[in-house]
């Protein structure tokens, strides 16, 4: 596989980040076969803290954050049977935006029986920021994917709370070419008070977790466990539900970053154990 990045005009240099990685299974382990990156995105060499699999891939933004007009594109593909955990070095920070929004596009392609855990750090939209994120997931037969996303409502230490212009997130998933999930969310604090009844109320931290692929019996049992976590958790309000196809969606609100992360880890651990047959893991950050 030869990776060819899109050509840039001079004004786009340093603003259009691109990262691409292709994983394959070879001699009993998952290896990074091809990769390419262009700042403000960067890929570091995969680590193997759990043994031969999964390969742990870290995406980095060495600039520390994104400003208006930045475009961040990521493409990750997994060959048959490949197993990967993809995370980020730190939070996705969106600085005050002037003019065009910050746009992030991620495309995942998974071949038969591959496994991916997509576990990014939180999104933190600063006051006056405008962020749009699109994630496209393409799964083949037998592929399994765990994907979690969390959002802070600004820099709490700076007194920010829903002071951004817009955060728009969209996830589209397809299994064997057929639609499996579409989830779209747009938060515009200038149009409606996010803390009003029926919206965030006193819980300003938002989490979403998607489990895609797997056997129905396994997914049914995992959904029951996840519902118990949501119903018994303090400082957290949320729920879990089965998709019409093979999958689970969990969404929750939390009163603090600590409770947000606690819920995320509990959900991830249940999904990891039930769907992937793996123990919990502590991600190594640099």
Protein backbone atom coordinates (compact mmCIF):
# COMPACT_ATOMS: atom_id res chain seq x y z
CA UNK A 1 0.00 0.00 0.00
CA UNK A 2 1.47 3.32 -1.06
CA UNK A 3 0.18 6.28 0.92
CA UNK A 4 -0.10 9.52 -1.00
CA UNK A 5 -1.01 12.65 0.95
CA UNK A 6 -2.99 15.42 -0.71
CA UNK A 7 -0.86 18.26 -2.10
CA UNK A 8 -0.97 21.62 -0.30
CA UNK A 9 -1.06 25.21 -1.42
CA UNK A 10 1.41 27.47 0.49
CA UNK A 11 -1.27 29.00 2.79
CA UNK A 12 -2.26 25.49 3.94
CA UNK A 13 1.19 24.47 5.13
CA UNK A 14 1.13 24.07 8.90
CA UNK A 15 -2.68 24.31 8.90
CA UNK A 16 -3.69 21.12 7.10
CA UNK A 17 -2.61 18.20 9.25
CA UNK A 18 -2.72 14.71 7.77
CA UNK A 19 -1.97 11.32 9.32
CA UNK A 20 -2.36 7.91 7.73
CA UNK A 21 -1.57 4.46 9.10
CA UNK A 22 -2.04 0.97 7.69
CA UNK A 23 -1.82 -2.04 10.03
CA UNK A 24 -1.50 -5.69 9.07
CA UNK A 25 -1.17 -8.97 10.92
CA UNK A 26 2.10 -10.74 10.24
CA UNK A 27 3.66 -13.76 11.98
CA UNK A 28 1.25 -13.66 14.90
CA UNK A 29 1.42 -9.94 15.65
CA UNK A 30 0.02 -6.67 14.36
CA UNK A 31 2.53 -4.40 12.65
CA UNK A 32 2.44 -0.90 11.21
CA UNK A 33 2.92 -1.59 7.51
CA UNK A 34 2.74 1.97 6.15
CA UNK A 35 2.38 5.43 7.67
CA UNK A 36 2.62 9.08 6.76
CA UNK A 37 2.03 12.29 8.68
CA UNK A 38 2.22 16.02 8.18
CA UNK A 39 2.21 18.61 10.98
CA UNK A 40 0.06 19.60 12.79
CA UNK A 41 -0.56 15.86 13.09
CA UNK A 42 2.12 13.33 13.92
CA UNK A 43 2.36 9.57 14.48
CA UNK A 44 4.89 7.91 16.76
CA UNK A 45 6.09 4.33 16.53
CA UNK A 46 3.55 1.83 17.96
CA UNK A 47 4.14 0.33 21.39
CA UNK A 48 3.25 -3.17 22.61
CA UNK A 49 2.58 -2.87 26.36
CA UNK A 50 0.15 -5.83 26.29
CA UNK A 51 2.37 -8.23 24.39
CA UNK A 52 2.23 -8.99 20.68
CA UNK A 53 -1.25 -7.46 20.35
CA UNK A 54 -2.82 -5.01 20.23
CA UNK A 55 -0.43 -2.48 18.77
CA UNK A 56 -0.79 0.85 20.62
CA UNK A 57 -0.73 3.86 18.28
CA UNK A 58 -0.52 7.45 19.56
CA UNK A 59 -1.58 10.47 17.50
CA UNK A 60 0.08 13.75 18.43
CA UNK A 61 -0.60 17.41 17.72
CA UNK A 62 2.80 18.98 18.57
CA UNK A 63 1.36 22.50 18.24
CA UNK A 64 -0.69 22.02 21.42
CA UNK A 65 -4.02 23.08 19.92
CA UNK A 66 -5.97 24.17 16.84
CA UNK A 67 -7.08 27.57 15.54
CA UNK A 68 -9.68 28.68 13.02
CA UNK A 69 -9.07 27.32 9.54
CA UNK A 70 -7.11 24.27 10.70
CA UNK A 71 -8.03 21.01 8.99
CA UNK A 72 -7.02 17.74 10.66
CA UNK A 73 -7.46 14.56 8.61
CA UNK A 74 -6.72 11.06 9.87
CA UNK A 75 -7.02 7.76 8.00
CA UNK A 76 -6.44 4.42 9.71
CA UNK A 77 -6.89 1.03 8.06
CA UNK A 78 -6.65 -2.43 9.58
CA UNK A 79 -5.99 -5.54 7.53
CA UNK A 80 -7.65 -8.87 8.24
CA UNK A 81 -7.21 -9.89 11.87
CA UNK A 82 -5.17 -6.82 12.86
CA UNK A 83 -5.59 -5.55 16.43
CA UNK A 84 -4.93 -1.91 17.31
CA UNK A 85 -5.53 0.54 20.15
CA UNK A 86 -5.37 4.17 19.02
CA UNK A 87 -5.18 7.06 21.45
CA UNK A 88 -3.92 10.66 21.60
CA UNK A 89 -1.08 12.24 23.54
CA UNK A 90 -3.35 14.83 25.16
CA UNK A 91 -6.64 16.68 24.96
CA UNK A 92 -7.93 18.17 21.71
CA UNK A 93 -7.74 21.89 22.49
CA UNK A 94 -9.70 24.25 20.27
CA UNK A 95 -8.53 27.85 20.63
CA UNK A 96 -10.64 30.95 20.04
CA UNK A 97 -11.72 30.82 16.40
CA UNK A 98 -11.67 33.73 13.98
CA UNK A 99 -13.23 33.10 10.56
CA UNK A 100 -13.43 29.45 9.50
CA UNK A 101 -13.99 26.67 12.06
CA UNK A 102 -11.51 24.01 13.10
CA UNK A 103 -12.44 20.85 11.18
CA UNK A 104 -11.42 17.30 12.09
CA UNK A 105 -12.13 14.33 9.81
CA UNK A 106 -11.30 10.75 10.72
CA UNK A 107 -11.86 7.72 8.51
CA UNK A 108 -11.44 4.16 9.76
CA UNK A 109 -11.45 1.09 7.49
CA UNK A 110 -11.51 -2.34 9.13
CA UNK A 111 -11.17 -5.61 7.24
CA UNK A 112 -12.52 -9.00 8.33
CA UNK A 113 -12.02 -9.95 12.01
CA UNK A 114 -9.95 -6.86 12.82
CA UNK A 115 -10.23 -5.11 16.20
CA UNK A 116 -9.82 -1.42 16.98
CA UNK A 117 -10.08 0.58 20.19
CA UNK A 118 -10.31 4.31 19.46
CA UNK A 119 -9.72 6.09 22.78
CA UNK A 120 -8.93 9.80 22.34
CA UNK A 121 -8.45 12.29 25.18
CA UNK A 122 -11.18 14.89 25.86
CA UNK A 123 -12.20 17.69 23.52
CA UNK A 124 -11.79 21.09 25.22
CA UNK A 125 -13.37 23.97 23.27
CA UNK A 126 -12.04 27.32 24.53
CA UNK A 127 -14.20 30.45 24.74
CA UNK A 128 -15.11 31.72 21.27
CA UNK A 129 -14.09 28.50 19.52
CA UNK A 130 -15.88 26.76 16.64
CA UNK A 131 -15.25 23.04 16.13
CA UNK A 132 -16.63 20.48 13.67
CA UNK A 133 -15.72 16.79 13.86
CA UNK A 134 -16.65 13.96 11.50
CA UNK A 135 -15.83 10.29 12.10
CA UNK A 136 -16.53 7.65 9.42
CA UNK A 137 -16.26 4.00 10.43
CA UNK A 138 -16.29 1.15 7.89
CA UNK A 139 -16.38 -2.39 9.31
CA UNK A 140 -16.18 -5.69 7.46
CA UNK A 141 -17.66 -8.98 8.67
CA UNK A 142 -16.34 -10.00 12.09
CA UNK A 143 -14.70 -6.64 12.82
CA UNK A 144 -15.17 -5.16 16.30
CA UNK A 145 -14.67 -1.55 17.32
CA UNK A 146 -14.78 0.34 20.63
CA UNK A 147 -14.88 4.13 20.33
CA UNK A 148 -15.26 6.66 23.14
CA UNK A 149 -15.41 10.46 23.13
CA UNK A 150 -15.63 12.99 25.97
CA UNK A 151 -16.20 16.75 25.96
CA UNK A 152 -15.41 19.45 28.51
CA UNK A 153 -17.38 22.68 28.24
CA UNK A 154 -14.35 24.95 28.26
CA UNK A 155 -11.44 25.67 30.60
CA UNK A 156 -12.94 25.28 34.04
CA UNK A 157 -9.94 26.88 35.78
CA UNK A 158 -10.51 30.00 33.64
CA UNK A 159 -14.18 30.16 34.58
CA UNK A 160 -15.36 29.05 31.13
CA UNK A 161 -18.60 27.11 30.72
CA UNK A 162 -20.32 26.80 27.34
CA UNK A 163 -18.57 29.97 26.15
CA UNK A 164 -17.69 28.53 22.75
CA UNK A 165 -19.53 29.32 19.50
CA UNK A 166 -20.25 25.78 18.32
CA UNK A 167 -19.27 22.16 18.79
CA UNK A 168 -20.66 19.80 16.13
CA UNK A 169 -19.86 16.08 16.22
CA UNK A 170 -20.96 13.40 13.76
CA UNK A 171 -20.32 9.64 13.66
CA UNK A 172 -21.30 7.45 10.71
CA UNK A 173 -20.72 3.69 10.86
CA UNK A 174 -21.29 1.05 8.20
CA UNK A 175 -21.05 -2.73 8.48
CA UNK A 176 -20.43 -4.64 5.24
CA UNK A 177 -21.42 -1.46 3.38
CA UNK A 178 -24.81 -1.16 5.10
CA UNK A 179 -25.64 1.67 7.56
CA UNK A 180 -25.17 0.65 11.19
CA UNK A 181 -25.15 3.96 13.09
CA UNK A 182 -25.47 7.69 12.52
CA UNK A 183 -25.08 9.97 15.52
CA UNK A 184 -25.03 13.74 15.08
CA UNK A 185 -24.79 16.38 17.78
CA UNK A 186 -24.62 20.17 17.56
CA UNK A 187 -24.18 22.39 20.61
CA UNK A 188 -24.81 26.12 20.02
CA UNK A 189 -24.90 27.91 23.38
CA UNK A 190 -25.90 31.21 21.73
CA UNK A 191 -29.17 29.68 20.49
CA UNK A 192 -30.31 27.84 23.62
CA UNK A 193 -29.12 27.72 27.21
CA UNK A 194 -27.33 24.35 27.45
CA UNK A 195 -28.02 24.17 31.19
CA UNK A 196 -31.79 24.44 30.79
CA UNK A 197 -34.21 21.66 31.72
CA UNK A 198 -33.87 18.58 29.53
CA UNK A 199 -30.38 19.45 28.29
CA UNK A 200 -27.19 19.44 30.37
CA UNK A 201 -28.82 20.89 33.51
CA UNK A 202 -26.15 20.69 36.29
CA UNK A 203 -23.97 18.16 34.41
CA UNK A 204 -21.61 20.04 32.05
CA UNK A 205 -19.40 17.09 31.03
CA UNK A 206 -20.49 14.82 28.19
CA UNK A 207 -19.40 11.32 27.23
CA UNK A 208 -20.30 8.93 24.41
CA UNK A 209 -19.16 5.36 23.85
CA UNK A 210 -19.87 3.09 20.89
CA UNK A 211 -19.44 -0.68 20.72
CA UNK A 212 -19.74 -1.90 17.13
CA UNK A 213 -19.67 -5.52 16.04
CA UNK A 214 -19.79 -8.69 18.12
CA UNK A 215 -22.24 -11.48 18.88
CA UNK A 216 -25.80 -10.60 19.91
CA UNK A 217 -25.65 -12.64 23.13
CA UNK A 218 -22.43 -10.90 24.18
CA UNK A 219 -23.80 -7.46 23.35
CA UNK A 220 -27.05 -8.12 25.23
CA UNK A 221 -25.19 -9.08 28.39
CA UNK A 222 -22.78 -6.14 28.09
CA UNK A 223 -25.70 -3.74 27.69
CA UNK A 224 -27.20 -4.99 30.95
CA UNK A 225 -23.89 -4.43 32.76
CA UNK A 226 -23.55 -0.94 31.30
CA UNK A 227 -27.10 -0.04 32.33
CA UNK A 228 -26.30 -1.09 35.90
CA UNK A 229 -23.23 1.15 35.92
CA UNK A 230 -25.26 4.12 34.69
CA UNK A 231 -28.12 3.58 37.15
CA UNK A 232 -25.88 3.16 40.22
CA UNK A 233 -23.25 5.83 39.51
CA UNK A 234 -23.07 8.98 41.63
CA UNK A 235 -22.62 12.30 39.85
CA UNK A 236 -23.46 10.70 36.51
CA UNK A 237 -26.67 10.59 34.48
CA UNK A 238 -26.90 8.41 31.39
CA UNK A 239 -27.90 5.15 29.80
CA UNK A 240 -26.97 2.35 27.41
CA UNK A 241 -28.98 0.85 24.57
CA UNK A 242 -28.61 -1.80 21.87
CA UNK A 243 -28.49 -0.72 18.26
CA UNK A 244 -30.76 -2.35 15.70
CA UNK A 245 -27.66 -4.01 14.30
CA UNK A 246 -24.71 -5.47 16.24
CA UNK A 247 -23.74 -2.65 18.54
CA UNK A 248 -24.24 -0.66 21.73
CA UNK A 249 -24.39 3.08 22.35
CA UNK A 250 -23.76 4.66 25.75
CA UNK A 251 -24.18 8.35 26.53
CA UNK A 252 -23.82 10.09 29.85
CA UNK A 253 -23.46 13.45 31.56
CA UNK A 254 -21.22 14.04 34.58
CA UNK A 255 -20.93 16.69 37.25
CA UNK A 256 -17.11 16.77 37.19
CA UNK A 257 -14.12 15.64 35.11
CA UNK A 258 -13.39 12.99 37.73
CA UNK A 259 -16.86 11.44 37.41
CA UNK A 260 -16.70 11.73 33.61
CA UNK A 261 -13.45 9.79 33.49
CA UNK A 262 -14.61 7.27 36.06
CA UNK A 263 -17.67 6.44 33.96
CA UNK A 264 -15.57 6.27 30.78
CA UNK A 265 -13.15 3.78 32.34
CA UNK A 266 -15.95 1.63 33.74
CA UNK A 267 -17.72 1.50 30.36
CA UNK A 268 -14.51 0.80 28.47
CA UNK A 269 -13.51 -1.97 30.89
CA UNK A 270 -16.88 -3.73 30.54
CA UNK A 271 -16.78 -3.46 26.74
CA UNK A 272 -13.16 -4.60 26.61
CA UNK A 273 -13.76 -7.63 28.79
CA UNK A 274 -17.10 -8.65 27.27
CA UNK A 275 -16.60 -7.97 23.57
CA UNK A 276 -12.83 -8.30 23.16
CA UNK A 277 -11.96 -10.69 26.00
CA UNK A 278 -9.25 -8.36 27.30
CA UNK A 279 -8.33 -7.09 30.74
CA UNK A 280 -8.35 -3.40 31.61
CA UNK A 281 -5.26 -1.47 30.55
CA UNK A 282 -3.71 1.79 31.71
CA UNK A 283 -2.68 3.84 28.70
CA UNK A 284 0.91 4.99 28.60
CA UNK A 285 1.20 8.72 27.92
CA UNK A 286 4.35 10.76 27.33
